[in-house]
Amino acid sequence: MSDARLSELIDRAFDHRGYVTLQRRDGSTLVGYVYNRGASHLDVLDEAARQRLQIPLSEIADIAFTGEDAARKAQQIWERRKGALEPRDTPAWGGWKESGPLLLVVALERELRSVARALGVKAQRGRVRMRTARSDVIACAIGMGGGSRRLIRDEAPRLVVSCGFSGALDAGLAPGALVLATAVRDENGDVVAAPDPQRKAAAAALRGLSFFEGELACATEVATTPAEKRALARPGTLAVDMESYPAARAAAEAGIPWVGLRAVVDTVDSSLPAFVRESEDRHLRGAFRHALTGPRAVAQLIRLGSAARRAGDALELGLRRLVPLLATAEAHP
């Protein structure tokens, strides 16, 4: 499991008001309640409520949410007894407002540059901000696979757009094709469906462009070979990325509507150089090393660069259509 995915699970465990099961790297498990966290550990009350344990993050391999969120269930029971259950889109934490910003979440700085061009502003320190007549628009690069939950909590947006690059899982998608998410699925098979009103509004805005509607698969590392991509493919699943599921899950749990938009870089039958699995700041050095391996590697880099430019242009064009609509639309039609 990637560090980003584990970080996302730790955030969820801290917010969860019930027991979780911690899987340690040595194979042992611990059932308990996460009541505090530090930079390098979790504070856990064991299932018997007899011991307070401090578990180093480096020892945690996985987290399962095996206990019911009792506080949330009690709230639902109380609401039913009142005769009216709160709407499903009620935020899980306070601070969300109809007047909150439109939040665009990307992973990479080069994705953020496409967003900045679409908005007509410059990115500064991994962030873009502009104001429209109706609301602020904020875009942030958070790295591959993590950070969306904290960002959504900090910004309290009215709507979240998860956007960026992806790999195709369908043979009909070429570099530069746009995928509008109908749902996102993680590697465990958990699915978050896209809210219909916002998805339909986005589809109307993208009409006339080369875009497709379908499910996105979310992986914990870049799928670099045709075999890895085909292993992720399912009927109706069009593309794969690493960020859409955490962003959609965090938005859904906060009761905030979301839209997913991805631009295809690599086709299902193409391979990517191994260095794309490294952090973005190592890509230039990795590309140089790859080029030194021979003429075929150089040709591969040229094709990849061309495909990335097409994807960046497509993402920019799609966001030019989407942002004005989503920034002025009601968050809950």
Protein backbone atom coordinates (compact mmCIF):
# COMPACT_ATOMS: atom_id res chain seq x y z
CA MET A 1 0.00 0.00 0.00
CA SER A 2 1.31 3.47 -0.87
CA ASP A 3 2.13 6.07 1.80
CA ALA A 4 -0.53 8.38 0.37
CA ARG A 5 -3.25 5.72 0.64
CA LEU A 6 -2.18 4.87 4.21
CA SER A 7 -2.26 8.58 5.09
CA GLU A 8 -5.82 8.76 3.77
CA LEU A 9 -6.83 5.76 5.92
CA ILE A 10 -5.23 7.32 9.00
CA ASP A 11 -7.24 10.51 8.44
CA ARG A 12 -10.44 8.47 8.17
CA ALA A 13 -9.57 6.44 11.28
CA PHE A 14 -9.09 9.61 13.32
CA ASP A 15 -12.50 10.90 12.17
CA HIS A 16 -14.25 7.54 12.66
CA ARG A 17 -16.25 7.34 15.90
CA GLY A 18 -16.04 3.59 16.27
CA TYR A 19 -13.53 0.75 16.49
CA VAL A 20 -10.97 0.13 13.76
CA THR A 21 -8.64 -2.81 13.17
CA LEU A 22 -4.97 -1.91 12.71
CA GLN A 23 -2.95 -4.42 10.68
CA ARG A 24 0.69 -4.23 11.70
CA ARG A 25 3.58 -4.90 9.37
CA ASP A 26 4.63 -7.85 11.53
CA GLY A 27 1.28 -9.55 10.80
CA SER A 28 -0.40 -8.84 14.14
CA THR A 29 -3.65 -6.92 14.52
CA LEU A 30 -5.07 -4.52 17.07
CA VAL A 31 -8.74 -3.58 17.50
CA GLY A 32 -9.30 -0.26 19.22
CA TYR A 33 -10.48 3.34 19.11
CA VAL A 34 -8.22 6.05 17.68
CA TYR A 35 -8.56 8.97 20.09
CA ASN A 36 -5.52 11.08 19.18
CA ARG A 37 -2.71 11.31 16.64
CA GLY A 38 0.77 12.73 16.38
CA ALA A 39 3.17 13.36 13.55
CA SER A 40 4.61 9.85 13.87
CA HIS A 41 2.03 7.82 15.83
CA LEU A 42 -1.60 7.06 16.64
CA ASP A 43 -2.98 6.95 20.19
CA VAL A 44 -5.34 3.99 20.50
CA LEU A 45 -7.62 2.79 23.29
CA ASP A 46 -7.80 -1.00 23.00
CA GLU A 47 -11.09 -2.84 22.47
CA ALA A 48 -11.33 -3.83 26.15
CA ALA A 49 -10.81 -0.17 27.19
CA ARG A 50 -7.95 -1.25 29.47
CA GLN A 51 -4.88 0.06 27.69
CA ARG A 52 -3.90 3.27 25.96
CA LEU A 53 -1.37 2.40 23.28
CA GLN A 54 0.86 4.56 21.13
CA ILE A 55 1.32 2.90 17.72
CA PRO A 56 4.09 4.23 15.45
CA LEU A 57 2.81 5.00 11.95
CA SER A 58 5.77 3.07 10.55
CA GLU A 59 4.32 -0.15 12.06
CA ILE A 60 0.88 0.20 10.40
CA ALA A 61 0.30 -1.75 7.18
CA ASP A 62 -3.47 -1.32 6.78
CA ILE A 63 -6.59 -0.08 8.59
CA ALA A 64 -10.05 -1.67 8.44
CA PHE A 65 -13.19 0.08 9.70
CA THR A 66 -14.66 -2.89 11.53
CA GLY A 67 -16.70 -1.05 14.16
CA GLU A 68 -19.91 0.88 13.72
CA ASP A 69 -19.76 4.67 14.06
CA ALA A 70 -21.98 4.72 17.13
CA ALA A 71 -22.21 8.49 17.42
CA ARG A 72 -23.42 8.87 13.86
CA LYS A 73 -25.97 6.07 14.32
CA ALA A 74 -27.31 7.71 17.49
CA GLN A 75 -27.71 10.99 15.65
CA GLN A 76 -29.66 9.25 12.87
CA ILE A 77 -31.95 7.53 15.39
CA TRP A 78 -32.63 10.83 17.12
CA GLU A 79 -33.42 12.50 13.80
CA ARG A 80 -35.83 9.72 12.83
CA ARG A 81 -37.61 10.10 16.16
CA LYS A 82 -38.00 13.78 15.36
CA GLY A 83 -39.75 12.61 12.19
CA ALA A 84 -37.24 13.96 9.70
CA LEU A 85 -33.85 12.54 8.80
CA GLU A 86 -31.24 15.11 7.80
CA PRO A 87 -30.54 15.19 4.05
CA ARG A 88 -27.83 12.82 2.88
CA ASP A 89 -25.80 15.76 1.63
CA THR A 90 -25.53 17.32 5.11
CA PRO A 91 -21.82 17.94 5.83
CA ALA A 92 -20.06 15.52 8.18
CA TRP A 93 -18.33 18.48 9.79
CA GLY A 94 -19.26 22.11 10.23
CA GLY A 95 -18.14 25.06 8.14
CA TRP A 96 -19.56 24.11 4.75
CA LYS A 97 -21.54 26.92 3.17
CA GLU A 98 -23.43 27.49 -0.06
CA SER A 99 -21.11 30.45 -0.54
CA GLY A 100 -17.93 28.37 -0.16
CA PRO A 101 -15.36 28.22 -2.96
CA LEU A 102 -15.28 25.93 -5.97
CA LEU A 103 -12.31 23.67 -5.21
CA LEU A 104 -10.26 22.01 -7.97
CA VAL A 105 -7.98 19.23 -6.74
CA VAL A 106 -5.03 17.99 -8.82
CA ALA A 107 -2.01 15.88 -7.95
CA LEU A 108 0.83 17.30 -10.04
CA GLU A 109 2.26 20.74 -10.69
CA ARG A 110 2.01 20.19 -14.45
CA GLU A 111 -1.70 19.44 -14.05
CA LEU A 112 -2.04 22.64 -12.03
CA ARG A 113 -0.46 24.56 -14.92
CA SER A 114 -3.29 23.40 -17.20
CA VAL A 115 -5.79 24.56 -14.58
CA ALA A 116 -4.04 27.93 -14.26
CA ARG A 117 -4.13 28.46 -18.05
CA ALA A 118 -7.83 27.60 -18.09
CA LEU A 119 -8.48 30.18 -15.38
CA GLY A 120 -6.17 32.78 -16.90
CA VAL A 121 -4.06 33.17 -13.76
CA LYS A 122 -0.65 32.03 -12.52
CA ALA A 123 -0.02 29.22 -10.06
CA GLN A 124 1.97 30.12 -6.97
CA ARG A 125 3.36 27.60 -4.51
CA GLY A 126 1.14 24.79 -5.70
CA ARG A 127 -2.04 26.85 -5.57
CA VAL A 128 -4.28 28.94 -7.84
CA ARG A 129 -6.94 31.35 -6.62
CA MET A 130 -9.35 33.60 -8.51
CA ARG A 131 -12.67 35.30 -7.80
CA THR A 132 -15.83 35.15 -9.90
CA ALA A 133 -19.07 37.06 -9.49
CA ARG A 134 -20.55 34.16 -7.50
CA SER A 135 -17.70 32.49 -5.64
CA ASP A 136 -13.97 32.04 -5.23
CA VAL A 137 -12.22 29.36 -7.27
CA ILE A 138 -9.29 27.57 -5.65
CA ALA A 139 -7.04 24.95 -7.25
CA CYS A 140 -4.38 23.00 -5.34
CA ALA A 141 -1.74 20.41 -6.24
CA ILE A 142 -1.65 17.91 -3.37
CA GLY A 143 0.66 15.16 -4.66
CA MET A 144 -0.23 11.69 -5.88
CA GLY A 145 -2.92 9.86 -3.94
CA GLY A 146 -3.35 11.88 -0.75
CA GLY A 147 -4.19 15.12 1.02
CA SER A 148 -7.67 15.75 -0.36
CA ARG A 149 -9.48 15.09 2.92
CA ARG A 150 -7.52 17.73 4.82
CA LEU A 151 -7.79 20.19 1.93
CA ILE A 152 -11.58 19.82 1.75
CA ARG A 153 -11.85 20.30 5.49
CA ASP A 154 -9.66 23.42 5.43
CA GLU A 155 -11.36 25.08 2.45
CA ALA A 156 -15.01 24.10 3.20
CA PRO A 157 -15.91 24.21 -0.54
CA ARG A 158 -19.35 24.34 -2.11
CA LEU A 159 -18.29 21.85 -4.80
CA VAL A 160 -15.16 19.76 -5.50
CA VAL A 161 -13.70 19.04 -8.94
CA SER A 162 -11.09 16.27 -9.03
CA CYS A 163 -9.19 16.69 -12.28
CA GLY A 164 -5.92 15.84 -13.99
CA PHE A 165 -4.30 13.18 -16.15
CA SER A 166 -5.12 9.48 -16.43
CA GLY A 167 -4.30 6.29 -18.28
CA ALA A 168 -6.86 4.72 -20.59
CA LEU A 169 -8.43 1.37 -19.72
CA ASP A 170 -10.60 1.31 -22.85
CA ALA A 171 -9.19 0.76 -26.33
CA GLY A 172 -11.41 3.52 -27.74
CA LEU A 173 -9.65 6.27 -25.80
CA ALA A 174 -6.70 8.13 -27.35
CA PRO A 175 -4.40 10.74 -25.79
CA GLY A 176 -6.35 13.94 -25.24
CA ALA A 177 -9.72 12.26 -24.67
CA LEU A 178 -11.64 13.54 -21.64
CA VAL A 179 -13.39 11.23 -19.18
CA LEU A 180 -16.23 12.55 -17.04
CA ALA A 181 -16.66 10.25 -14.04
CA THR A 182 -19.98 8.55 -13.41
CA ALA A 183 -18.34 6.84 -10.41
CA VAL A 184 -14.91 6.11 -8.97
CA ARG A 185 -13.70 2.74 -7.68
CA ASP A 186 -10.69 2.01 -5.48
CA GLU A 187 -8.49 -1.08 -5.61
CA ASN A 188 -10.64 -2.81 -2.98
CA GLY A 189 -13.79 -2.47 -5.10
CA ASP A 190 -15.39 0.33 -3.07
CA VAL A 191 -17.38 2.66 -5.33
CA VAL A 192 -18.46 6.29 -4.93
CA ALA A 193 -21.11 7.36 -7.46
CA ALA A 194 -20.96 10.86 -8.91
CA PRO A 195 -23.90 13.12 -7.95
CA ASP A 196 -26.31 13.25 -10.89
CA PRO A 197 -27.13 16.99 -10.97
CA GLN A 198 -23.50 18.11 -11.11
CA ARG A 199 -22.47 15.33 -13.52
CA LYS A 200 -25.29 16.18 -15.93
CA ALA A 201 -24.46 19.88 -15.77
CA ALA A 202 -20.80 19.08 -16.50
CA ALA A 203 -21.77 16.84 -19.44
CA ALA A 204 -23.85 19.65 -20.92
CA ALA A 205 -20.91 22.06 -20.60
CA LEU A 206 -18.53 19.60 -22.32
CA ARG A 207 -20.86 18.89 -25.24
CA GLY A 208 -19.00 19.23 -28.53
CA LEU A 209 -15.64 18.14 -27.08
CA SER A 210 -14.13 14.65 -27.27
CA PHE A 211 -15.36 13.39 -23.91
CA PHE A 212 -16.72 10.11 -22.58
CA GLU A 213 -18.72 9.26 -19.48
CA GLY A 214 -17.80 6.22 -17.40
CA GLU A 215 -16.23 4.86 -14.25
CA LEU A 216 -12.71 5.73 -13.10
CA ALA A 217 -10.49 3.17 -11.37
CA CYS A 218 -8.15 4.48 -8.70
CA ALA A 219 -4.83 2.71 -8.10
CA THR A 220 -2.13 3.23 -5.49
CA GLU A 221 0.66 3.39 -8.06
CA VAL A 222 0.95 4.30 -11.73
CA ALA A 223 -0.11 1.49 -14.10
CA THR A 224 2.83 1.45 -16.52
CA THR A 225 2.22 -1.68 -18.64
CA PRO A 226 -0.69 -2.92 -20.77
CA ALA A 227 -1.02 -5.93 -18.45
CA GLU A 228 -1.38 -3.73 -15.37
CA LYS A 229 -4.02 -1.62 -17.09
CA ARG A 230 -6.02 -4.61 -18.30
CA ALA A 231 -6.01 -6.01 -14.76
CA LEU A 232 -7.82 -2.84 -13.65
CA ALA A 233 -10.29 -2.77 -16.53
CA ARG A 234 -13.95 -3.69 -16.12
CA PRO A 235 -16.98 -3.09 -18.35
CA GLY A 236 -17.74 0.61 -18.17
CA THR A 237 -14.42 1.52 -16.53
CA LEU A 238 -12.67 3.93 -18.88
CA ALA A 239 -9.53 5.25 -17.20
CA VAL A 240 -7.25 4.94 -14.17
CA ASP A 241 -5.65 7.54 -11.92
CA MET A 242 -4.46 7.79 -8.32
CA GLU A 243 -6.40 10.71 -6.89
CA SER A 244 -10.08 10.61 -7.90
CA TYR A 245 -11.28 8.10 -5.30
CA PRO A 246 -9.78 9.80 -2.19
CA ALA A 247 -11.14 13.17 -3.34
CA ALA A 248 -14.60 11.78 -4.13
CA ARG A 249 -14.77 9.82 -0.88
CA ALA A 250 -13.73 12.84 1.20
CA ALA A 251 -16.27 15.07 -0.57
CA ALA A 252 -19.08 12.53 -0.24
CA GLU A 253 -18.43 11.99 3.47
CA ALA A 254 -18.51 15.77 3.97
CA GLY A 255 -21.82 16.03 2.10
CA ILE A 256 -20.24 18.12 -0.65
CA PRO A 257 -21.05 17.40 -4.33
CA TRP A 258 -18.16 16.54 -6.62
CA VAL A 259 -17.25 16.18 -10.29
CA GLY A 260 -14.41 14.07 -11.73
CA LEU A 261 -12.70 15.04 -15.00
CA ARG A 262 -9.66 13.26 -16.43
CA ALA A 263 -7.60 13.74 -19.58
CA VAL A 264 -6.04 10.61 -21.08
CA VAL A 265 -2.26 10.56 -21.57
CA ASP A 266 -1.43 6.93 -22.35
CA THR A 267 -3.52 4.36 -24.21
CA VAL A 268 -4.38 0.95 -22.79
CA ASP A 269 -1.86 -0.77 -25.08
CA SER A 270 1.06 1.58 -24.42
CA SER A 271 3.83 1.28 -21.83
CA LEU A 272 5.24 4.04 -19.66
CA PRO A 273 8.84 4.43 -18.48
CA ALA A 274 9.48 3.21 -14.96
CA PHE A 275 10.48 6.68 -13.71
CA VAL A 276 6.86 7.92 -13.87
CA ARG A 277 6.29 6.01 -10.62
CA GLU A 278 8.76 8.28 -8.87
CA SER A 279 7.84 11.64 -7.30
CA GLU A 280 7.35 14.49 -9.75
CA ASP A 281 10.56 16.27 -8.73
CA ARG A 282 12.55 13.24 -9.95
CA HIS A 283 10.92 12.97 -13.37
CA LEU A 284 13.45 15.15 -15.20
CA ARG A 285 16.40 13.15 -13.88
CA GLY A 286 14.55 9.90 -14.57
CA ALA A 287 13.77 10.94 -18.15
CA PHE A 288 17.44 11.76 -18.73
CA ARG A 289 18.54 8.37 -17.42
CA HIS A 290 15.89 6.67 -19.53
CA ALA A 291 17.02 8.50 -22.68
CA LEU A 292 20.55 7.24 -22.18
CA THR A 293 19.39 3.65 -22.61
CA GLY A 294 19.01 4.01 -26.38
CA PRO A 295 17.12 5.39 -29.39
CA ARG A 296 13.90 3.49 -28.58
CA ALA A 297 13.79 5.11 -25.18
CA VAL A 298 14.24 8.54 -26.75
CA ALA A 299 11.40 7.85 -29.18
CA GLN A 300 9.20 6.71 -26.28
CA LEU A 301 9.88 9.95 -24.41
CA ILE A 302 9.00 12.00 -27.50
CA ARG A 303 5.68 10.16 -27.87
CA LEU A 304 4.96 10.55 -24.17
CA GLY A 305 5.72 14.27 -24.29
CA SER A 306 3.39 14.73 -27.25
CA ALA A 307 0.60 12.77 -25.53
CA ALA A 308 1.03 14.77 -22.31
CA ARG A 309 0.71 18.04 -24.25
CA ARG A 310 -2.48 16.81 -25.89
CA ALA A 311 -3.86 15.80 -22.50
CA GLY A 312 -2.91 19.16 -21.00
CA ASP A 313 -4.58 21.06 -23.83
CA ALA A 314 -7.73 18.93 -23.53
CA LEU A 315 -7.89 19.42 -19.76
CA GLU A 316 -7.47 23.16 -20.18
CA LEU A 317 -10.24 23.33 -22.77
CA GLY A 318 -12.58 21.19 -20.67
CA LEU A 319 -12.04 23.33 -17.58
CA ARG A 320 -12.67 26.50 -19.56
CA ARG A 321 -16.12 25.09 -20.22
CA LEU A 322 -16.73 23.68 -16.75
CA VAL A 323 -15.46 26.28 -14.32
CA PRO A 324 -17.71 29.21 -15.33
CA LEU A 325 -20.76 26.95 -15.06
CA LEU A 326 -19.82 25.25 -11.79
CA ALA A 327 -18.64 28.46 -10.15
CA THR A 328 -22.05 30.08 -10.63
CA ALA A 329 -24.38 27.08 -10.29
CA GLU A 330 -26.21 26.27 -7.08
CA ALA A 331 -24.35 23.63 -5.11
CA HIS A 332 -27.59 21.77 -4.40
CA PRO A 333 -30.06 22.25 -7.29
